Amino acid sequence: METLLPCTRRSADWRRISTYAAAAFVGMLIASCGSRQSTSTQEPVATAEATTRSRPALPEIQDASADDVLAAVREPGARVVVVNVWATWCAPCRQEFPDLMKLNERYQDRGMRLVLVTADFDDQIGEARQFLAQQGVEFLTYHKTGNDQRFIDGLSSKWTGALPATLVYDSHGVLKHFWEGRATFETMESNVLDVLSGQQASRTKEN
């Protein structure tokens, strides 16, 4: 499992760093655009209707406490539930996101439920929704609210607050696996399969 440079929301420096990085990027973009020469005055202009059609629908994000997230975990119907706490300003979170979606696509028909919780600041929810849409998320996701430490402790005493954080539960809502930092697809998959195989073994014994 790759756990290099996990992010932590509790440090106010993260917000300053992300703001400075964004400002530097915008500055470079403006400079490059200013030096670019126009090669054509007849470029096609997209209509508002065409632009709307090409834009992915923005998924719903609902405010949630740790108790709300655990309630989503315990909703009936899933054999394994993967909770991932992430943020748009967290590079490892963004990097592992395609693997999370790949995992969901591969195992949702076998009873896996993916619960996504963004730890973005309130004024970044629009950016979070855009990112989720770009990643192909079409289901309800959650936004961490309330006191940070209370939310962290409410999910796991092992969690230091570093992001991304991933928790894997069985069908009874019992936490089976937990890790901080970016994980490979293979690590995610092995933990999901471990829970699925464990439940299959239990069913076999009961029969």
C-alpha atoms as a PDB file:
ATOM      1  CA  MET A   1       0.000   0.000   0.000  1.00  0.00           C
ATOM      2  CA  GLU A   2       1.308   3.410  -0.972  1.00  0.00           C
ATOM      3  CA  THR A   3       0.991   5.889   1.884  1.00  0.00           C
ATOM      4  CA  LEU A   4       3.350   8.664   0.819  1.00  0.00           C
ATOM      5  CA  LEU A   5       2.532  12.197   1.931  1.00  0.00           C
ATOM      6  CA  PRO A   6      -1.035  11.856   3.243  1.00  0.00           C
ATOM      7  CA  CYS A   7      -2.913  15.137   3.635  1.00  0.00           C
ATOM      8  CA  THR A   8      -4.256  16.542   6.868  1.00  0.00           C
ATOM      9  CA  ARG A   9      -7.263  18.858   6.976  1.00  0.00           C
ATOM     10  CA  ARG A  10      -6.590  19.998  10.523  1.00  0.00           C
ATOM     11  CA  SER A  11      -3.639  22.160   9.491  1.00  0.00           C
ATOM     12  CA  ALA A  12      -4.674  25.634   8.340  1.00  0.00           C
ATOM     13  CA  ASP A  13      -1.521  25.644   6.186  1.00  0.00           C
ATOM     14  CA  TRP A  14      -3.286  23.301   3.744  1.00  0.00           C
ATOM     15  CA  ARG A  15      -5.697  26.036   2.801  1.00  0.00           C
ATOM     16  CA  ARG A  16      -2.957  28.604   2.346  1.00  0.00           C
ATOM     17  CA  ILE A  17      -0.916  26.169   0.249  1.00  0.00           C
ATOM     18  CA  SER A  18      -3.854  25.328  -1.992  1.00  0.00           C
ATOM     19  CA  THR A  19      -4.689  29.029  -2.397  1.00  0.00           C
ATOM     20  CA  TYR A  20      -1.105  29.979  -3.303  1.00  0.00           C
ATOM     21  CA  ALA A  21      -0.864  27.077  -5.741  1.00  0.00           C
ATOM     22  CA  ALA A  22      -4.095  28.091  -7.432  1.00  0.00           C
ATOM     23  CA  ALA A  23      -2.973  31.721  -7.695  1.00  0.00           C
ATOM     24  CA  ALA A  24       0.356  30.698  -9.210  1.00  0.00           C
ATOM     25  CA  PHE A  25      -1.397  28.460 -11.718  1.00  0.00           C
ATOM     26  CA  VAL A  26      -3.812  31.206 -12.750  1.00  0.00           C
ATOM     27  CA  GLY A  27      -0.896  33.617 -13.167  1.00  0.00           C
ATOM     28  CA  MET A  28       0.948  31.204 -15.450  1.00  0.00           C
ATOM     29  CA  LEU A  29      -2.245  30.548 -17.399  1.00  0.00           C
ATOM     30  CA  ILE A  30      -2.870  34.266 -17.974  1.00  0.00           C
ATOM     31  CA  ALA A  31       0.735  34.778 -19.065  1.00  0.00           C
ATOM     32  CA  SER A  32       0.581  31.896 -21.527  1.00  0.00           C
ATOM     33  CA  CYS A  33      -2.770  33.042 -22.900  1.00  0.00           C
ATOM     34  CA  GLY A  34      -1.444  36.578 -23.337  1.00  0.00           C
ATOM     35  CA  SER A  35       1.478  35.400 -25.431  1.00  0.00           C
ATOM     36  CA  ARG A  36      -0.627  33.163 -27.636  1.00  0.00           C
ATOM     37  CA  GLN A  37      -1.287  34.468 -31.162  1.00  0.00           C
ATOM     38  CA  SER A  38      -4.683  34.063 -32.758  1.00  0.00           C
ATOM     39  CA  THR A  39      -4.529  31.836 -35.843  1.00  0.00           C
ATOM     40  CA  SER A  40      -8.120  32.121 -36.925  1.00  0.00           C
ATOM     41  CA  THR A  41     -11.005  34.541 -36.588  1.00  0.00           C
ATOM     42  CA  GLN A  42     -13.549  31.928 -37.683  1.00  0.00           C
ATOM     43  CA  GLU A  43     -13.420  29.522 -34.743  1.00  0.00           C
ATOM     44  CA  PRO A  44     -16.772  27.833 -34.061  1.00  0.00           C
ATOM     45  CA  VAL A  45     -18.718  29.111 -31.093  1.00  0.00           C
ATOM     46  CA  ALA A  46     -20.480  26.493 -28.959  1.00  0.00           C
ATOM     47  CA  THR A  47     -24.151  27.160 -28.354  1.00  0.00           C
ATOM     48  CA  ALA A  48     -25.481  27.252 -24.798  1.00  0.00           C
ATOM     49  CA  GLU A  49     -27.565  24.143 -25.525  1.00  0.00           C
ATOM     50  CA  ALA A  50     -24.557  22.168 -26.810  1.00  0.00           C
ATOM     51  CA  THR A  51     -22.447  23.244 -23.831  1.00  0.00           C
ATOM     52  CA  THR A  52     -25.164  22.131 -21.417  1.00  0.00           C
ATOM     53  CA  ARG A  53     -25.480  18.745 -23.149  1.00  0.00           C
ATOM     54  CA  SER A  54     -21.722  18.106 -22.981  1.00  0.00           C
ATOM     55  CA  ARG A  55     -21.515  18.930 -19.273  1.00  0.00           C
ATOM     56  CA  PRO A  56     -21.879  15.933 -16.898  1.00  0.00           C
ATOM     57  CA  ALA A  57     -24.658  16.223 -14.348  1.00  0.00           C
ATOM     58  CA  LEU A  58     -23.407  17.390 -10.969  1.00  0.00           C
ATOM     59  CA  PRO A  59     -23.968  14.808  -8.215  1.00  0.00           C
ATOM     60  CA  GLU A  60     -25.740  15.683  -4.992  1.00  0.00           C
ATOM     61  CA  ILE A  61     -23.599  16.273  -1.897  1.00  0.00           C
ATOM     62  CA  GLN A  62     -25.325  16.040   1.477  1.00  0.00           C
ATOM     63  CA  ASP A  63     -23.954  17.365   4.777  1.00  0.00           C
ATOM     64  CA  ALA A  64     -23.223  14.542   7.182  1.00  0.00           C
ATOM     65  CA  SER A  65     -21.884  13.866  10.666  1.00  0.00           C
ATOM     66  CA  ALA A  66     -19.984  10.690  11.516  1.00  0.00           C
ATOM     67  CA  ASP A  67     -23.272   9.181  12.712  1.00  0.00           C
ATOM     68  CA  ASP A  68     -24.884   9.975   9.352  1.00  0.00           C
ATOM     69  CA  VAL A  69     -22.038   8.273   7.502  1.00  0.00           C
ATOM     70  CA  LEU A  70     -22.326   5.188   9.711  1.00  0.00           C
ATOM     71  CA  ALA A  71     -26.078   5.139   9.089  1.00  0.00           C
ATOM     72  CA  ALA A  72     -25.344   5.040   5.341  1.00  0.00           C
ATOM     73  CA  VAL A  73     -22.902   2.191   5.977  1.00  0.00           C
ATOM     74  CA  ARG A  74     -25.539   0.174   7.854  1.00  0.00           C
ATOM     75  CA  GLU A  75     -28.303   0.594   5.320  1.00  0.00           C
ATOM     76  CA  PRO A  76     -29.368  -2.916   4.252  1.00  0.00           C
ATOM     77  CA  GLY A  77     -28.476  -4.393   0.889  1.00  0.00           C
ATOM     78  CA  ALA A  78     -24.661  -4.276   0.816  1.00  0.00           C
ATOM     79  CA  ARG A  79     -22.271  -7.161   1.504  1.00  0.00           C
ATOM     80  CA  VAL A  80     -19.271  -4.837   1.855  1.00  0.00           C
ATOM     81  CA  VAL A  81     -19.136  -1.052   2.251  1.00  0.00           C
ATOM     82  CA  VAL A  82     -16.117   1.077   1.379  1.00  0.00           C
ATOM     83  CA  VAL A  83     -16.037   4.555   2.927  1.00  0.00           C
ATOM     84  CA  ASN A  84     -13.497   6.975   1.487  1.00  0.00           C
ATOM     85  CA  VAL A  85     -12.890  10.407   3.040  1.00  0.00           C
ATOM     86  CA  TRP A  86     -11.213  12.717   0.553  1.00  0.00           C
ATOM     87  CA  ALA A  87     -10.844  16.371  -0.526  1.00  0.00           C
ATOM     88  CA  THR A  88     -10.176  18.219  -3.769  1.00  0.00           C
ATOM     89  CA  TRP A  89      -7.120  19.941  -2.220  1.00  0.00           C
ATOM     90  CA  CYS A  90      -5.583  16.561  -1.320  1.00  0.00           C
ATOM     91  CA  ALA A  91      -3.356  15.349  -4.179  1.00  0.00           C
ATOM     92  CA  PRO A  92      -3.222  11.677  -3.058  1.00  0.00           C
ATOM     93  CA  CYS A  93      -7.030  11.704  -2.824  1.00  0.00           C
ATOM     94  CA  ARG A  94      -7.391  12.866  -6.410  1.00  0.00           C
ATOM     95  CA  GLN A  95      -4.744  10.425  -7.600  1.00  0.00           C
ATOM     96  CA  GLU A  96      -6.444   7.348  -6.142  1.00  0.00           C
ATOM     97  CA  PHE A  97      -9.972   8.349  -7.154  1.00  0.00           C
ATOM     98  CA  PRO A  98      -9.974   6.558 -10.543  1.00  0.00           C
ATOM     99  CA  ASP A  99      -9.074   3.321  -8.746  1.00  0.00           C
ATOM    100  CA  LEU A 100     -11.979   3.818  -6.339  1.00  0.00           C
ATOM    101  CA  MET A 101     -14.353   4.196  -9.267  1.00  0.00           C
ATOM    102  CA  LYS A 102     -12.827   1.155 -10.959  1.00  0.00           C
ATOM    103  CA  LEU A 103     -13.340  -0.831  -7.741  1.00  0.00           C
ATOM    104  CA  ASN A 104     -16.952   0.304  -7.525  1.00  0.00           C
ATOM    105  CA  GLU A 105     -17.634  -0.607 -11.140  1.00  0.00           C
ATOM    106  CA  ARG A 106     -16.098  -4.057 -10.710  1.00  0.00           C
ATOM    107  CA  TYR A 107     -17.735  -5.039  -7.406  1.00  0.00           C
ATOM    108  CA  GLN A 108     -21.016  -3.173  -7.057  1.00  0.00           C
ATOM    109  CA  ASP A 109     -22.845  -6.084  -8.724  1.00  0.00           C
ATOM    110  CA  ARG A 110     -21.341  -8.369  -6.068  1.00  0.00           C
ATOM    111  CA  GLY A 111     -22.755  -6.290  -3.246  1.00  0.00           C
ATOM    112  CA  MET A 112     -20.210  -3.513  -2.722  1.00  0.00           C
ATOM    113  CA  ARG A 113     -21.381  -0.035  -1.748  1.00  0.00           C
ATOM    114  CA  LEU A 114     -19.078   2.987  -2.103  1.00  0.00           C
ATOM    115  CA  VAL A 115     -19.671   5.856   0.329  1.00  0.00           C
ATOM    116  CA  LEU A 116     -17.720   9.012  -0.526  1.00  0.00           C
ATOM    117  CA  VAL A 117     -17.244  11.780   2.040  1.00  0.00           C
ATOM    118  CA  THR A 118     -15.583  15.045   1.064  1.00  0.00           C
ATOM    119  CA  ALA A 119     -13.695  16.994   3.730  1.00  0.00           C
ATOM    120  CA  ASP A 120     -13.604  20.107   1.544  1.00  0.00           C
ATOM    121  CA  PHE A 121     -14.300  23.501   3.070  1.00  0.00           C
ATOM    122  CA  ASP A 122     -17.805  24.897   2.639  1.00  0.00           C
ATOM    123  CA  ASP A 123     -16.780  27.294  -0.125  1.00  0.00           C
ATOM    124  CA  GLN A 124     -15.194  24.442  -2.120  1.00  0.00           C
ATOM    125  CA  ILE A 125     -18.307  22.280  -2.493  1.00  0.00           C
ATOM    126  CA  GLY A 126     -18.843  23.528  -6.046  1.00  0.00           C
ATOM    127  CA  GLU A 127     -15.359  22.383  -6.984  1.00  0.00           C
ATOM    128  CA  ALA A 128     -15.979  19.038  -5.269  1.00  0.00           C
ATOM    129  CA  ARG A 129     -19.163  18.485  -7.277  1.00  0.00           C
ATOM    130  CA  GLN A 130     -17.341  19.305 -10.507  1.00  0.00           C
ATOM    131  CA  PHE A 131     -14.579  16.826  -9.652  1.00  0.00           C
ATOM    132  CA  LEU A 132     -17.078  14.091  -8.780  1.00  0.00           C
ATOM    133  CA  ALA A 133     -18.921  14.643 -12.066  1.00  0.00           C
ATOM    134  CA  GLN A 134     -15.661  14.411 -14.007  1.00  0.00           C
ATOM    135  CA  GLN A 135     -14.931  11.107 -12.264  1.00  0.00           C
ATOM    136  CA  GLY A 136     -18.323   9.697 -13.246  1.00  0.00           C
ATOM    137  CA  VAL A 137     -19.946   9.786  -9.806  1.00  0.00           C
ATOM    138  CA  GLU A 138     -23.733   9.785 -10.200  1.00  0.00           C
ATOM    139  CA  PHE A 139     -24.825   8.716  -6.705  1.00  0.00           C
ATOM    140  CA  LEU A 140     -25.359  10.656  -3.483  1.00  0.00           C
ATOM    141  CA  THR A 141     -22.146  11.588  -1.666  1.00  0.00           C
ATOM    142  CA  TYR A 142     -21.483  13.310   1.651  1.00  0.00           C
ATOM    143  CA  HIS A 143     -19.769  16.392   3.050  1.00  0.00           C
ATOM    144  CA  LYS A 144     -18.185  16.242   6.495  1.00  0.00           C
ATOM    145  CA  THR A 145     -19.702  18.791   8.853  1.00  0.00           C
ATOM    146  CA  GLY A 146     -19.187  19.781  12.461  1.00  0.00           C
ATOM    147  CA  ASN A 147     -16.141  19.452  14.663  1.00  0.00           C
ATOM    148  CA  ASP A 148     -13.200  17.778  12.913  1.00  0.00           C
ATOM    149  CA  GLN A 149     -11.986  15.731  15.870  1.00  0.00           C
ATOM    150  CA  ARG A 150     -15.475  14.536  16.748  1.00  0.00           C
ATOM    151  CA  PHE A 151     -15.975  13.395  13.152  1.00  0.00           C
ATOM    152  CA  ILE A 152     -12.599  11.624  13.072  1.00  0.00           C
ATOM    153  CA  ASP A 153     -13.146   9.820  16.381  1.00  0.00           C
ATOM    154  CA  GLY A 154     -16.698   8.957  15.360  1.00  0.00           C
ATOM    155  CA  LEU A 155     -15.440   6.886  12.445  1.00  0.00           C
ATOM    156  CA  SER A 156     -12.295   5.307  13.909  1.00  0.00           C
ATOM    157  CA  SER A 157     -10.011   5.784  16.887  1.00  0.00           C
ATOM    158  CA  LYS A 158      -7.160   4.695  14.598  1.00  0.00           C
ATOM    159  CA  TRP A 159      -7.663   7.647  12.254  1.00  0.00           C
ATOM    160  CA  THR A 160      -5.225  10.528  12.795  1.00  0.00           C
ATOM    161  CA  GLY A 161      -7.173  12.818  10.453  1.00  0.00           C
ATOM    162  CA  ALA A 162      -4.859  12.251   7.478  1.00  0.00           C
ATOM    163  CA  LEU A 163      -6.424  12.031   4.016  1.00  0.00           C
ATOM    164  CA  PRO A 164      -7.367  10.033   2.143  1.00  0.00           C
ATOM    165  CA  ALA A 165      -8.808   7.707   4.745  1.00  0.00           C
ATOM    166  CA  THR A 166     -10.509   4.457   3.771  1.00  0.00           C
ATOM    167  CA  LEU A 167     -12.668   2.216   5.930  1.00  0.00           C
ATOM    168  CA  VAL A 168     -14.068  -1.159   4.855  1.00  0.00           C
ATOM    169  CA  TYR A 169     -17.131  -2.568   6.637  1.00  0.00           C
ATOM    170  CA  ASP A 170     -18.950  -5.868   6.400  1.00  0.00           C
ATOM    171  CA  SER A 171     -22.702  -6.251   5.866  1.00  0.00           C
ATOM    172  CA  HIS A 172     -23.331  -5.783   9.611  1.00  0.00           C
ATOM    173  CA  GLY A 173     -21.528  -2.427   9.695  1.00  0.00           C
ATOM    174  CA  VAL A 174     -18.496  -3.877  11.480  1.00  0.00           C
ATOM    175  CA  LEU A 175     -15.204  -2.194  10.563  1.00  0.00           C
ATOM    176  CA  LYS A 176     -12.876  -4.798   9.052  1.00  0.00           C
ATOM    177  CA  HIS A 177     -10.085  -2.770   7.427  1.00  0.00           C
ATOM    178  CA  PHE A 178      -8.774   0.766   7.741  1.00  0.00           C
ATOM    179  CA  TRP A 179      -5.861   2.686   6.233  1.00  0.00           C
ATOM    180  CA  GLU A 180      -4.670   6.250   5.697  1.00  0.00           C
ATOM    181  CA  GLY A 181      -3.001   7.578   2.573  1.00  0.00           C
ATOM    182  CA  ARG A 182      -3.257   6.600  -1.060  1.00  0.00           C
ATOM    183  CA  ALA A 183      -3.685   2.882  -1.737  1.00  0.00           C
ATOM    184  CA  THR A 184      -3.143   0.919  -4.917  1.00  0.00           C
ATOM    185  CA  PHE A 185      -6.071  -0.714  -6.667  1.00  0.00           C
ATOM    186  CA  GLU A 186      -4.675  -4.100  -5.647  1.00  0.00           C
ATOM    187  CA  THR A 187      -4.779  -3.142  -1.956  1.00  0.00           C
ATOM    188  CA  MET A 188      -8.357  -1.894  -2.225  1.00  0.00           C
ATOM    189  CA  GLU A 189      -9.445  -4.995  -4.087  1.00  0.00           C
ATOM    190  CA  SER A 190      -7.779  -7.457  -1.698  1.00  0.00           C
ATOM    191  CA  ASN A 191      -9.519  -5.877   1.304  1.00  0.00           C
ATOM    192  CA  VAL A 192     -12.904  -5.933  -0.412  1.00  0.00           C
ATOM    193  CA  LEU A 193     -12.416  -9.559  -1.438  1.00  0.00           C
ATOM    194  CA  ASP A 194     -11.365 -10.439   2.101  1.00  0.00           C
ATOM    195  CA  VAL A 195     -14.700  -9.182   3.450  1.00  0.00           C
ATOM    196  CA  LEU A 196     -16.697 -10.816   0.651  1.00  0.00           C
ATOM    197  CA  SER A 197     -14.960 -14.176   1.088  1.00  0.00           C
ATOM    198  CA  GLY A 198     -15.395 -14.005   4.858  1.00  0.00           C
ATOM    199  CA  GLN A 199     -19.131 -13.554   4.489  1.00  0.00           C
ATOM    200  CA  GLN A 200     -19.299 -16.364   1.955  1.00  0.00           C
ATOM    201  CA  ALA A 201     -17.516 -18.643   4.422  1.00  0.00           C
ATOM    202  CA  SER A 202     -19.994 -17.683   7.159  1.00  0.00           C
ATOM    203  CA  ARG A 203     -22.932 -18.494   4.928  1.00  0.00           C
ATOM    204  CA  THR A 204     -21.398 -21.865   4.054  1.00  0.00           C
ATOM    205  CA  LYS A 205     -21.047 -22.739   7.753  1.00  0.00           C
ATOM    206  CA  GLU A 206     -24.645 -21.748   8.455  1.00  0.00           C
ATOM    207  CA  ASN A 207     -25.839 -24.068   5.706  1.00  0.00           C
END
